[in-house]
PDB file of N, CA and C in Angstrom:
ATOM      1  N   MET A   1      81.873  66.251  60.515  1.00  0.00           N
ATOM      2  CA  MET A   1      82.904  66.306  61.523  1.00  0.00           C
ATOM      3  C   MET A   1      83.712  65.024  61.408  1.00  0.00           C
ATOM      4  N   ILE A   2      85.012  65.164  61.341  1.00  0.00           N
ATOM      5  CA  ILE A   2      85.886  64.005  61.223  1.00  0.00           C
ATOM      6  C   ILE A   2      87.132  64.250  62.073  1.00  0.00           C
ATOM      7  N   CYS A   3      87.604  63.218  62.719  1.00  0.00           N
ATOM      8  CA  CYS A   3      88.780  63.399  63.571  1.00  0.00           C
ATOM      9  C   CYS A   3      90.018  63.567  62.694  1.00  0.00           C
ATOM     10  N   PRO A   4      91.064  64.206  63.226  1.00  0.00           N
ATOM     11  CA  PRO A   4      92.272  64.450  62.427  1.00  0.00           C
ATOM     12  C   PRO A   4      92.923  63.171  61.893  1.00  0.00           C
ATOM     13  N   ASP A   5      92.915  62.093  62.675  1.00  0.00           N
ATOM     14  CA  ASP A   5      93.533  60.844  62.222  1.00  0.00           C
ATOM     15  C   ASP A   5      92.767  60.242  61.051  1.00  0.00           C
ATOM     16  N   CYS A   6      91.435  60.221  61.141  1.00  0.00           N
ATOM     17  CA  CYS A   6      90.614  59.681  60.050  1.00  0.00           C
ATOM     18  C   CYS A   6      90.759  60.534  58.794  1.00  0.00           C
ATOM     19  N   TYR A   7      90.820  61.841  58.958  1.00  0.00           N
ATOM     20  CA  TYR A   7      90.986  62.743  57.816  1.00  0.00           C
ATOM     21  C   TYR A   7      92.298  62.452  57.112  1.00  0.00           C
ATOM     22  N   ARG A   8      93.354  62.252  57.874  1.00  0.00           N
ATOM     23  CA  ARG A   8      94.669  61.943  57.313  1.00  0.00           C
ATOM     24  C   ARG A   8      94.633  60.605  56.575  1.00  0.00           C
ATOM     25  N   ASP A   9      93.927  59.602  57.130  1.00  0.00           N
ATOM     26  CA  ASP A   9      93.830  58.297  56.483  1.00  0.00           C
ATOM     27  C   ASP A   9      93.059  58.380  55.168  1.00  0.00           C
ATOM     28  N   VAL A  10      92.017  59.172  55.130  1.00  0.00           N
ATOM     29  CA  VAL A  10      91.172  59.274  53.938  1.00  0.00           C
ATOM     30  C   VAL A  10      91.850  60.086  52.840  1.00  0.00           C
ATOM     31  N   THR A  11      92.434  61.225  53.196  1.00  0.00           N
ATOM     32  CA  THR A  11      92.970  62.134  52.183  1.00  0.00           C
ATOM     33  C   THR A  11      94.467  61.965  51.933  1.00  0.00           C
ATOM     34  N   GLY A  12      95.161  61.391  52.860  1.00  0.00           N
ATOM     35  CA  GLY A  12      96.598  61.224  52.684  1.00  0.00           C
ATOM     36  C   GLY A  12      97.413  62.393  53.208  1.00  0.00           C
ATOM     37  N   HIS A  13      96.786  63.443  53.673  1.00  0.00           N
ATOM     38  CA  HIS A  13      97.503  64.586  54.270  1.00  0.00           C
ATOM     39  C   HIS A  13      96.678  65.171  55.402  1.00  0.00           C
ATOM     40  N   SER A  14      97.318  65.984  56.205  1.00  0.00           N
ATOM     41  CA  SER A  14      96.617  66.556  57.359  1.00  0.00           C
ATOM     42  C   SER A  14      95.797  67.765  56.949  1.00  0.00           C
ATOM     43  N   ARG A  15      94.886  68.133  57.821  1.00  0.00           N
ATOM     44  CA  ARG A  15      94.043  69.301  57.577  1.00  0.00           C
ATOM     45  C   ARG A  15      94.870  70.575  57.571  1.00  0.00           C
ATOM     46  N   PRO A  16      94.500  71.510  56.721  1.00  0.00           N
ATOM     47  CA  PRO A  16      95.185  72.809  56.782  1.00  0.00           C
ATOM     48  C   PRO A  16      94.852  73.517  58.087  1.00  0.00           C
ATOM     49  N   GLN A  17      95.832  74.186  58.639  1.00  0.00           N
ATOM     50  CA  GLN A  17      95.636  74.903  59.896  1.00  0.00           C
ATOM     51  C   GLN A  17      94.856  76.187  59.642  1.00  0.00           C
ATOM     52  N   ARG A  18      93.988  76.529  60.582  1.00  0.00           N
ATOM     53  CA  ARG A  18      93.261  77.793  60.497  1.00  0.00           C
ATOM     54  C   ARG A  18      94.186  78.946  60.841  1.00  0.00           C
ATOM     55  N   ALA A  19      93.911  80.077  60.224  1.00  0.00           N
ATOM     56  CA  ALA A  19      94.663  81.285  60.566  1.00  0.00           C
ATOM     57  C   ALA A  19      94.278  81.712  61.975  1.00  0.00           C
ATOM     58  N   ARG A  20      95.261  82.003  62.762  1.00  0.00           N
ATOM     59  CA  ARG A  20      94.984  82.431  64.137  1.00  0.00           C
ATOM     60  C   ARG A  20      94.645  83.909  64.145  1.00  0.00           C
ATOM     61  N   THR A  21      93.622  84.231  64.900  1.00  0.00           N
ATOM     62  CA  THR A  21      93.225  85.626  65.029  1.00  0.00           C
ATOM     63  C   THR A  21      93.569  86.111  66.426  1.00  0.00           C
ATOM     64  N   SER A  22      93.699  87.398  66.539  1.00  0.00           N
ATOM     65  CA  SER A  22      94.019  87.997  67.824  1.00  0.00           C
ATOM     66  C   SER A  22      92.791  87.972  68.735  1.00  0.00           C
ATOM     67  N   ASN A  23      93.019  87.743  70.017  1.00  0.00           N
ATOM     68  CA  ASN A  23      91.923  87.769  70.975  1.00  0.00           C
ATOM     69  C   ASN A  23      91.666  89.167  71.517  1.00  0.00           C
ATOM     70  N   ASN A  24      92.465  90.125  71.100  1.00  0.00           N
ATOM     71  CA  ASN A  24      92.271  91.503  71.561  1.00  0.00           C
ATOM     72  C   ASN A  24      91.145  92.163  70.768  1.00  0.00           C
ATOM     73  N   PRO A  25      90.167  92.722  71.451  1.00  0.00           N
ATOM     74  CA  PRO A  25      89.077  93.418  70.755  1.00  0.00           C
ATOM     75  C   PRO A  25      89.510  94.831  70.341  1.00  0.00           C
ATOM     76  N   ASN A  26      90.346  94.932  69.321  1.00  0.00           N
ATOM     77  CA  ASN A  26      90.932  96.212  68.917  1.00  0.00           C
ATOM     78  C   ASN A  26      89.898  97.228  68.466  1.00  0.00           C
ATOM     79  N   ILE A  27      88.881  96.791  67.750  1.00  0.00           N
ATOM     80  CA  ILE A  27      87.855  97.733  67.288  1.00  0.00           C
ATOM     81  C   ILE A  27      87.088  98.291  68.483  1.00  0.00           C
ATOM     82  N   THR A  28      86.798  97.437  69.442  1.00  0.00           N
ATOM     83  CA  THR A  28      86.098  97.882  70.652  1.00  0.00           C
ATOM     84  C   THR A  28      86.934  98.905  71.403  1.00  0.00           C
ATOM     85  N   TYR A  29      88.225  98.638  71.560  1.00  0.00           N
ATOM     86  CA  TYR A  29      89.107  99.584  72.239  1.00  0.00           C
ATOM     87  C   TYR A  29      89.177 100.909  71.487  1.00  0.00           C
ATOM     88  N   THR A  30      89.204 100.844  70.166  1.00  0.00           N
ATOM     89  CA  THR A  30      89.249 102.068  69.355  1.00  0.00           C
ATOM     90  C   THR A  30      87.977 102.889  69.546  1.00  0.00           C
ATOM     91  N   LEU A  31      86.828 102.225  69.520  1.00  0.00           N
ATOM     92  CA  LEU A  31      85.562 102.943  69.720  1.00  0.00           C
ATOM     93  C   LEU A  31      85.481 103.566  71.111  1.00  0.00           C
ATOM     94  N   ILE A  32      85.960 102.860  72.117  1.00  0.00           N
ATOM     95  CA  ILE A  32      85.969 103.418  73.467  1.00  0.00           C
ATOM     96  C   ILE A  32      86.871 104.642  73.516  1.00  0.00           C
ATOM     97  N   GLY A  33      88.040 104.565  72.882  1.00  0.00           N
ATOM     98  CA  GLY A  33      88.955 105.703  72.839  1.00  0.00           C
ATOM     99  C   GLY A  33      88.348 106.907  72.150  1.00  0.00           C
ATOM    100  N   ILE A  34      87.685 106.683  71.025  1.00  0.00           N
ATOM    101  CA  ILE A  34      87.049 107.791  70.298  1.00  0.00           C
ATOM    102  C   ILE A  34      85.968 108.433  71.162  1.00  0.00           C
ATOM    103  N   ASN A  35      85.165 107.625  71.839  1.00  0.00           N
ATOM    104  CA  ASN A  35      84.118 108.165  72.703  1.00  0.00           C
ATOM    105  C   ASN A  35      84.691 109.015  73.823  1.00  0.00           C
ATOM    106  N   VAL A  36      85.770 108.549  74.437  1.00  0.00           N
ATOM    107  CA  VAL A  36      86.383 109.304  75.537  1.00  0.00           C
ATOM    108  C   VAL A  36      86.979 110.610  75.021  1.00  0.00           C
ATOM    109  N   VAL A  37      87.638 110.576  73.876  1.00  0.00           N
ATOM    110  CA  VAL A  37      88.227 111.801  73.311  1.00  0.00           C
ATOM    111  C   VAL A  37      87.138 112.808  72.971  1.00  0.00           C
ATOM    112  N   VAL A  38      86.054 112.358  72.364  1.00  0.00           N
ATOM    113  CA  VAL A  38      84.953 113.269  72.024  1.00  0.00           C
ATOM    114  C   VAL A  38      84.332 113.843  73.296  1.00  0.00           C
ATOM    115  N   TYR A  39      84.193 113.014  74.328  1.00  0.00           N
ATOM    116  CA  TYR A  39      83.654 113.503  75.595  1.00  0.00           C
ATOM    117  C   TYR A  39      84.553 114.591  76.187  1.00  0.00           C
ATOM    118  N   LEU A  40      85.866 114.368  76.144  1.00  0.00           N
ATOM    119  CA  LEU A  40      86.805 115.378  76.652  1.00  0.00           C
ATOM    120  C   LEU A  40      86.744 116.652  75.821  1.00  0.00           C
ATOM    121  N   LEU A  41      86.586 116.503  74.502  1.00  0.00           N
ATOM    122  CA  LEU A  41      86.447 117.687  73.648  1.00  0.00           C
ATOM    123  C   LEU A  41      85.182 118.466  73.994  1.00  0.00           C
ATOM    124  N   GLN A  42      84.126 117.767  74.362  1.00  0.00           N
ATOM    125  CA  GLN A  42      82.903 118.444  74.764  1.00  0.00           C
ATOM    126  C   GLN A  42      83.135 119.303  76.008  1.00  0.00           C
ATOM    127  N   TRP A  43      84.034 118.877  76.883  1.00  0.00           N
ATOM    128  CA  TRP A  43      84.348 119.653  78.082  1.00  0.00           C
ATOM    129  C   TRP A  43      85.326 120.779  77.788  1.00  0.00           C
ATOM    130  N   ILE A  44      86.263 120.554  76.884  1.00  0.00           N
ATOM    131  CA  ILE A  44      87.326 121.536  76.626  1.00  0.00           C
ATOM    132  C   ILE A  44      86.833 122.678  75.755  1.00  0.00           C
ATOM    133  N   ILE A  45      86.102 122.367  74.692  1.00  0.00           N
ATOM    134  CA  ILE A  45      85.632 123.390  73.763  1.00  0.00           C
ATOM    135  C   ILE A  45      84.341 123.991  74.313  1.00  0.00           C
ATOM    136  N   PRO A  46      84.308 125.299  74.501  1.00  0.00           N
ATOM    137  CA  PRO A  46      83.156 125.940  75.161  1.00  0.00           C
ATOM    138  C   PRO A  46      81.924 126.070  74.266  1.00  0.00           C
ATOM    139  N   ASN A  47      80.829 126.407  74.912  1.00  0.00           N
ATOM    140  CA  ASN A  47      79.560 126.776  74.269  1.00  0.00           C
ATOM    141  C   ASN A  47      78.943 125.664  73.431  1.00  0.00           C
ATOM    142  N   TYR A  48      79.121 124.427  73.850  1.00  0.00           N
ATOM    143  CA  TYR A  48      78.498 123.294  73.172  1.00  0.00           C
ATOM    144  C   TYR A  48      78.821 123.235  71.681  1.00  0.00           C
ATOM    145  N   TRP A  49      80.001 123.662  71.278  1.00  0.00           N
ATOM    146  CA  TRP A  49      80.378 123.655  69.864  1.00  0.00           C
ATOM    147  C   TRP A  49      80.371 122.243  69.291  1.00  0.00           C
ATOM    148  N   VAL A  50      80.960 121.294  70.007  1.00  0.00           N
ATOM    149  CA  VAL A  50      81.025 119.910  69.522  1.00  0.00           C
ATOM    150  C   VAL A  50      79.612 119.365  69.330  1.00  0.00           C
ATOM    151  N   TYR A  51      78.755 119.617  70.297  1.00  0.00           N
ATOM    152  CA  TYR A  51      77.372 119.155  70.186  1.00  0.00           C
ATOM    153  C   TYR A  51      76.677 119.802  68.991  1.00  0.00           C
ATOM    154  N   ASN A  52      76.821 121.095  68.837  1.00  0.00           N
ATOM    155  CA  ASN A  52      76.148 121.806  67.748  1.00  0.00           C
ATOM    156  C   ASN A  52      76.632 121.357  66.376  1.00  0.00           C
ATOM    157  N   GLU A  53      77.899 120.982  66.269  1.00  0.00           N
ATOM    158  CA  GLU A  53      78.456 120.590  64.977  1.00  0.00           C
ATOM    159  C   GLU A  53      78.197 119.129  64.614  1.00  0.00           C
ATOM    160  N   PHE A  54      78.018 118.267  65.613  1.00  0.00           N
ATOM    161  CA  PHE A  54      77.968 116.836  65.324  1.00  0.00           C
ATOM    162  C   PHE A  54      76.706 116.118  65.774  1.00  0.00           C
ATOM    163  N   ALA A  55      75.807 116.766  66.468  1.00  0.00           N
ATOM    164  CA  ALA A  55      74.574 116.119  66.917  1.00  0.00           C
ATOM    165  C   ALA A  55      73.637 115.879  65.735  1.00  0.00           C
ATOM    166  N   TYR A  56      72.795 114.873  65.873  1.00  0.00           N
ATOM    167  CA  TYR A  56      71.838 114.554  64.824  1.00  0.00           C
ATOM    168  C   TYR A  56      70.667 115.520  64.903  1.00  0.00           C
ATOM    169  N   LYS A  57      70.461 116.228  63.844  1.00  0.00           N
ATOM    170  CA  LYS A  57      69.328 117.144  63.730  1.00  0.00           C
ATOM    171  C   LYS A  57      68.668 116.838  62.388  1.00  0.00           C
ATOM    172  N   ALA A  58      67.492 116.255  62.447  1.00  0.00           N
ATOM    173  CA  ALA A  58      66.839 115.720  61.254  1.00  0.00           C
ATOM    174  C   ALA A  58      66.686 116.749  60.142  1.00  0.00           C
ATOM    175  N   ASP A  59      66.317 117.976  60.497  1.00  0.00           N
ATOM    176  CA  ASP A  59      66.121 118.981  59.455  1.00  0.00           C
ATOM    177  C   ASP A  59      67.442 119.363  58.785  1.00  0.00           C
ATOM    178  N   TRP A  60      68.546 119.365  59.527  1.00  0.00           N
ATOM    179  CA  TRP A  60      69.846 119.682  58.930  1.00  0.00           C
ATOM    180  C   TRP A  60      70.304 118.563  58.005  1.00  0.00           C
ATOM    181  N   VAL A  61      69.999 117.337  58.384  1.00  0.00           N
ATOM    182  CA  VAL A  61      70.377 116.200  57.538  1.00  0.00           C
ATOM    183  C   VAL A  61      69.545 116.221  56.262  1.00  0.00           C
ATOM    184  N   ALA A  62      68.260 116.468  56.403  1.00  0.00           N
ATOM    185  CA  ALA A  62      67.364 116.435  55.247  1.00  0.00           C
ATOM    186  C   ALA A  62      67.609 117.586  54.276  1.00  0.00           C
ATOM    187  N   TYR A  63      67.782 118.789  54.806  1.00  0.00           N
ATOM    188  CA  TYR A  63      67.872 119.956  53.922  1.00  0.00           C
ATOM    189  C   TYR A  63      69.298 120.372  53.595  1.00  0.00           C
ATOM    190  N   SER A  64      70.216 120.157  54.515  1.00  0.00           N
ATOM    191  CA  SER A  64      71.601 120.562  54.278  1.00  0.00           C
ATOM    192  C   SER A  64      72.486 119.387  53.865  1.00  0.00           C
ATOM    193  N   HIS A  65      71.913 118.194  53.841  1.00  0.00           N
ATOM    194  CA  HIS A  65      72.634 116.974  53.442  1.00  0.00           C
ATOM    195  C   HIS A  65      73.868 116.720  54.294  1.00  0.00           C
ATOM    196  N   GLU A  66      73.754 116.954  55.574  1.00  0.00           N
ATOM    197  CA  GLU A  66      74.854 116.699  56.507  1.00  0.00           C
ATOM    198  C   GLU A  66      74.687 115.284  57.063  1.00  0.00           C
ATOM    199  N   TYR A  67      74.927 114.287  56.218  1.00  0.00           N
ATOM    200  CA  TYR A  67      74.685 112.894  56.570  1.00  0.00           C
ATOM    201  C   TYR A  67      75.655 112.372  57.625  1.00  0.00           C
ATOM    202  N   TYR A  68      76.794 113.005  57.768  1.00  0.00           N
ATOM    203  CA  TYR A  68      77.775 112.571  58.763  1.00  0.00           C
ATOM    204  C   TYR A  68      77.196 112.627  60.174  1.00  0.00           C
ATOM    205  N   ARG A  69      76.193 113.461  60.389  1.00  0.00           N
ATOM    206  CA  ARG A  69      75.591 113.607  61.717  1.00  0.00           C
ATOM    207  C   ARG A  69      74.938 112.306  62.199  1.00  0.00           C
ATOM    208  N   ALA A  70      74.529 111.448  61.283  1.00  0.00           N
ATOM    209  CA  ALA A  70      73.920 110.177  61.671  1.00  0.00           C
ATOM    210  C   ALA A  70      74.934 109.281  62.389  1.00  0.00           C
ATOM    211  N   ILE A  71      76.205 109.405  62.058  1.00  0.00           N
ATOM    212  CA  ILE A  71      77.249 108.600  62.696  1.00  0.00           C
ATOM    213  C   ILE A  71      77.878 109.339  63.869  1.00  0.00           C
ATOM    214  N   THR A  72      78.214 110.609  63.681  1.00  0.00           N
ATOM    215  CA  THR A  72      78.934 111.340  64.731  1.00  0.00           C
ATOM    216  C   THR A  72      78.084 111.548  65.983  1.00  0.00           C
ATOM    217  N   SER A  73      76.776 111.562  65.835  1.00  0.00           N
ATOM    218  CA  SER A  73      75.930 111.746  67.016  1.00  0.00           C
ATOM    219  C   SER A  73      76.051 110.581  67.993  1.00  0.00           C
ATOM    220  N   GLY A  74      76.452 109.422  67.506  1.00  0.00           N
ATOM    221  CA  GLY A  74      76.621 108.272  68.370  1.00  0.00           C
ATOM    222  C   GLY A  74      77.801 108.388  69.320  1.00  0.00           C
ATOM    223  N   PHE A  75      78.698 109.328  69.058  1.00  0.00           N
ATOM    224  CA  PHE A  75      79.874 109.519  69.911  1.00  0.00           C
ATOM    225  C   PHE A  75      79.684 110.634  70.940  1.00  0.00           C
ATOM    226  N   LEU A  76      78.536 111.315  70.903  1.00  0.00           N
ATOM    227  CA  LEU A  76      78.266 112.389  71.851  1.00  0.00           C
ATOM    228  C   LEU A  76      77.594 111.822  73.097  1.00  0.00           C
ATOM    229  N   HIS A  77      77.979 112.347  74.249  1.00  0.00           N
ATOM    230  CA  HIS A  77      77.405 111.897  75.512  1.00  0.00           C
ATOM    231  C   HIS A  77      77.062 113.104  76.372  1.00  0.00           C
ATOM    232  N   SER A  78      76.184 112.886  77.327  1.00  0.00           N
ATOM    233  CA  SER A  78      75.722 113.947  78.204  1.00  0.00           C
ATOM    234  C   SER A  78      76.885 114.556  78.984  1.00  0.00           C
ATOM    235  N   GLN A  79      77.030 115.867  78.886  1.00  0.00           N
ATOM    236  CA  GLN A  79      78.088 116.557  79.619  1.00  0.00           C
ATOM    237  C   GLN A  79      77.727 116.724  81.089  1.00  0.00           C
ATOM    238  N   ASN A  80      76.458 116.658  81.415  1.00  0.00           N
ATOM    239  CA  ASN A  80      76.016 116.872  82.788  1.00  0.00           C
ATOM    240  C   ASN A  80      76.132 115.629  83.659  1.00  0.00           C
ATOM    241  N   ASP A  81      76.282 114.465  83.040  1.00  0.00           N
ATOM    242  CA  ASP A  81      76.278 113.213  83.796  1.00  0.00           C
ATOM    243  C   ASP A  81      77.387 112.287  83.301  1.00  0.00           C
ATOM    244  N   PRO A  82      78.551 112.273  83.956  1.00  0.00           N
ATOM    245  CA  PRO A  82      79.651 111.415  83.518  1.00  0.00           C
ATOM    246  C   PRO A  82      79.320 109.920  83.599  1.00  0.00           C
ATOM    247  N   SER A  83      78.341 109.552  84.430  1.00  0.00           N
ATOM    248  CA  SER A  83      77.983 108.141  84.510  1.00  0.00           C
ATOM    249  C   SER A  83      77.377 107.643  83.198  1.00  0.00           C
ATOM    250  N   HIS A  84      76.816 108.539  82.402  1.00  0.00           N
ATOM    251  CA  HIS A  84      76.289 108.177  81.091  1.00  0.00           C
ATOM    252  C   HIS A  84      77.409 107.603  80.225  1.00  0.00           C
ATOM    253  N   LEU A  85      78.528 108.298  80.162  1.00  0.00           N
ATOM    254  CA  LEU A  85      79.673 107.811  79.390  1.00  0.00           C
ATOM    255  C   LEU A  85      80.209 106.516  80.000  1.00  0.00           C
ATOM    256  N   LEU A  86      80.363 106.484  81.305  1.00  0.00           N
ATOM    257  CA  LEU A  86      80.934 105.321  81.975  1.00  0.00           C
ATOM    258  C   LEU A  86      80.106 104.062  81.714  1.00  0.00           C
ATOM    259  N   LEU A  87      78.815 104.144  81.900  1.00  0.00           N
ATOM    260  CA  LEU A  87      77.965 102.973  81.691  1.00  0.00           C
ATOM    261  C   LEU A  87      77.920 102.553  80.226  1.00  0.00           C
ATOM    262  N   ASN A  88      77.929 103.514  79.321  1.00  0.00           N
ATOM    263  CA  ASN A  88      77.967 103.179  77.901  1.00  0.00           C
ATOM    264  C   ASN A  88      79.269 102.476  77.525  1.00  0.00           C
ATOM    265  N   MET A  89      80.387 102.933  78.079  1.00  0.00           N
ATOM    266  CA  MET A  89      81.679 102.331  77.741  1.00  0.00           C
ATOM    267  C   MET A  89      81.835 100.946  78.371  1.00  0.00           C
ATOM    268  N   VAL A  90      81.295 100.750  79.559  1.00  0.00           N
ATOM    269  CA  VAL A  90      81.323  99.411  80.167  1.00  0.00           C
ATOM    270  C   VAL A  90      80.489  98.451  79.320  1.00  0.00           C
ATOM    271  N   SER A  91      79.326  98.897  78.895  1.00  0.00           N
ATOM    272  CA  SER A  91      78.473  98.061  78.038  1.00  0.00           C
ATOM    273  C   SER A  91      79.152  97.765  76.709  1.00  0.00           C
ATOM    274  N   LEU A  92      79.774  98.782  76.128  1.00  0.00           N
ATOM    275  CA  LEU A  92      80.486  98.592  74.871  1.00  0.00           C
ATOM    276  C   LEU A  92      81.624  97.598  75.041  1.00  0.00           C
ATOM    277  N   TYR A  93      82.343  97.692  76.139  1.00  0.00           N
ATOM    278  CA  TYR A  93      83.451  96.770  76.390  1.00  0.00           C
ATOM    279  C   TYR A  93      82.939  95.332  76.522  1.00  0.00           C
ATOM    280  N   LEU A  94      81.888  95.132  77.297  1.00  0.00           N
ATOM    281  CA  LEU A  94      81.365  93.791  77.514  1.00  0.00           C
ATOM    282  C   LEU A  94      80.786  93.172  76.239  1.00  0.00           C
ATOM    283  N   PHE A  95      79.905  93.906  75.593  1.00  0.00           N
ATOM    284  CA  PHE A  95      79.252  93.356  74.419  1.00  0.00           C
ATOM    285  C   PHE A  95      80.116  93.452  73.175  1.00  0.00           C
ATOM    286  N   GLY A  96      80.856  94.528  73.028  1.00  0.00           N
ATOM    287  CA  GLY A  96      81.714  94.694  71.860  1.00  0.00           C
ATOM    288  C   GLY A  96      82.806  93.649  71.790  1.00  0.00           C
ATOM    289  N   ALA A  97      83.447  93.381  72.926  1.00  0.00           N
ATOM    290  CA  ALA A  97      84.511  92.373  72.949  1.00  0.00           C
ATOM    291  C   ALA A  97      83.954  90.991  72.629  1.00  0.00           C
ATOM    292  N   ALA A  98      82.761  90.682  73.132  1.00  0.00           N
ATOM    293  CA  ALA A  98      82.148  89.376  72.863  1.00  0.00           C
ATOM    294  C   ALA A  98      81.757  89.243  71.389  1.00  0.00           C
ATOM    295  N   ILE A  99      81.210  90.302  70.825  1.00  0.00           N
ATOM    296  CA  ILE A  99      80.783  90.248  69.429  1.00  0.00           C
ATOM    297  C   ILE A  99      81.982  90.244  68.481  1.00  0.00           C
ATOM    298  N   GLU A 100      83.000  90.990  68.842  1.00  0.00           N
ATOM    299  CA  GLU A 100      84.168  91.103  67.966  1.00  0.00           C
ATOM    300  C   GLU A 100      84.912  89.779  67.817  1.00  0.00           C
ATOM    301  N   LYS A 101      84.893  88.942  68.846  1.00  0.00           N
ATOM    302  CA  LYS A 101      85.558  87.642  68.744  1.00  0.00           C
ATOM    303  C   LYS A 101      84.858  86.778  67.718  1.00  0.00           C
TER     304      LYS A 101
END
């Protein structure tokens, strides 16, 4: 650790400036948006179609090689309890924004 004045005296020039990054947690906001859209699709499309197509089912992954289910299942939430989505999104916002910085 060296102060800017001492660094300038030793090297003859100032330190290069760091690239500034955005403080907006864009990835976190995107994930929250995807979760909300998938939740709404679960309500709009009848007969649990979204759940049946994207939920993780070990035998389907193993035998049918539907590996996408390992990721898409993370975006599915309980249709019977909206607080499940709400609490998950609040947690994602709090922890995701902190980690993303």
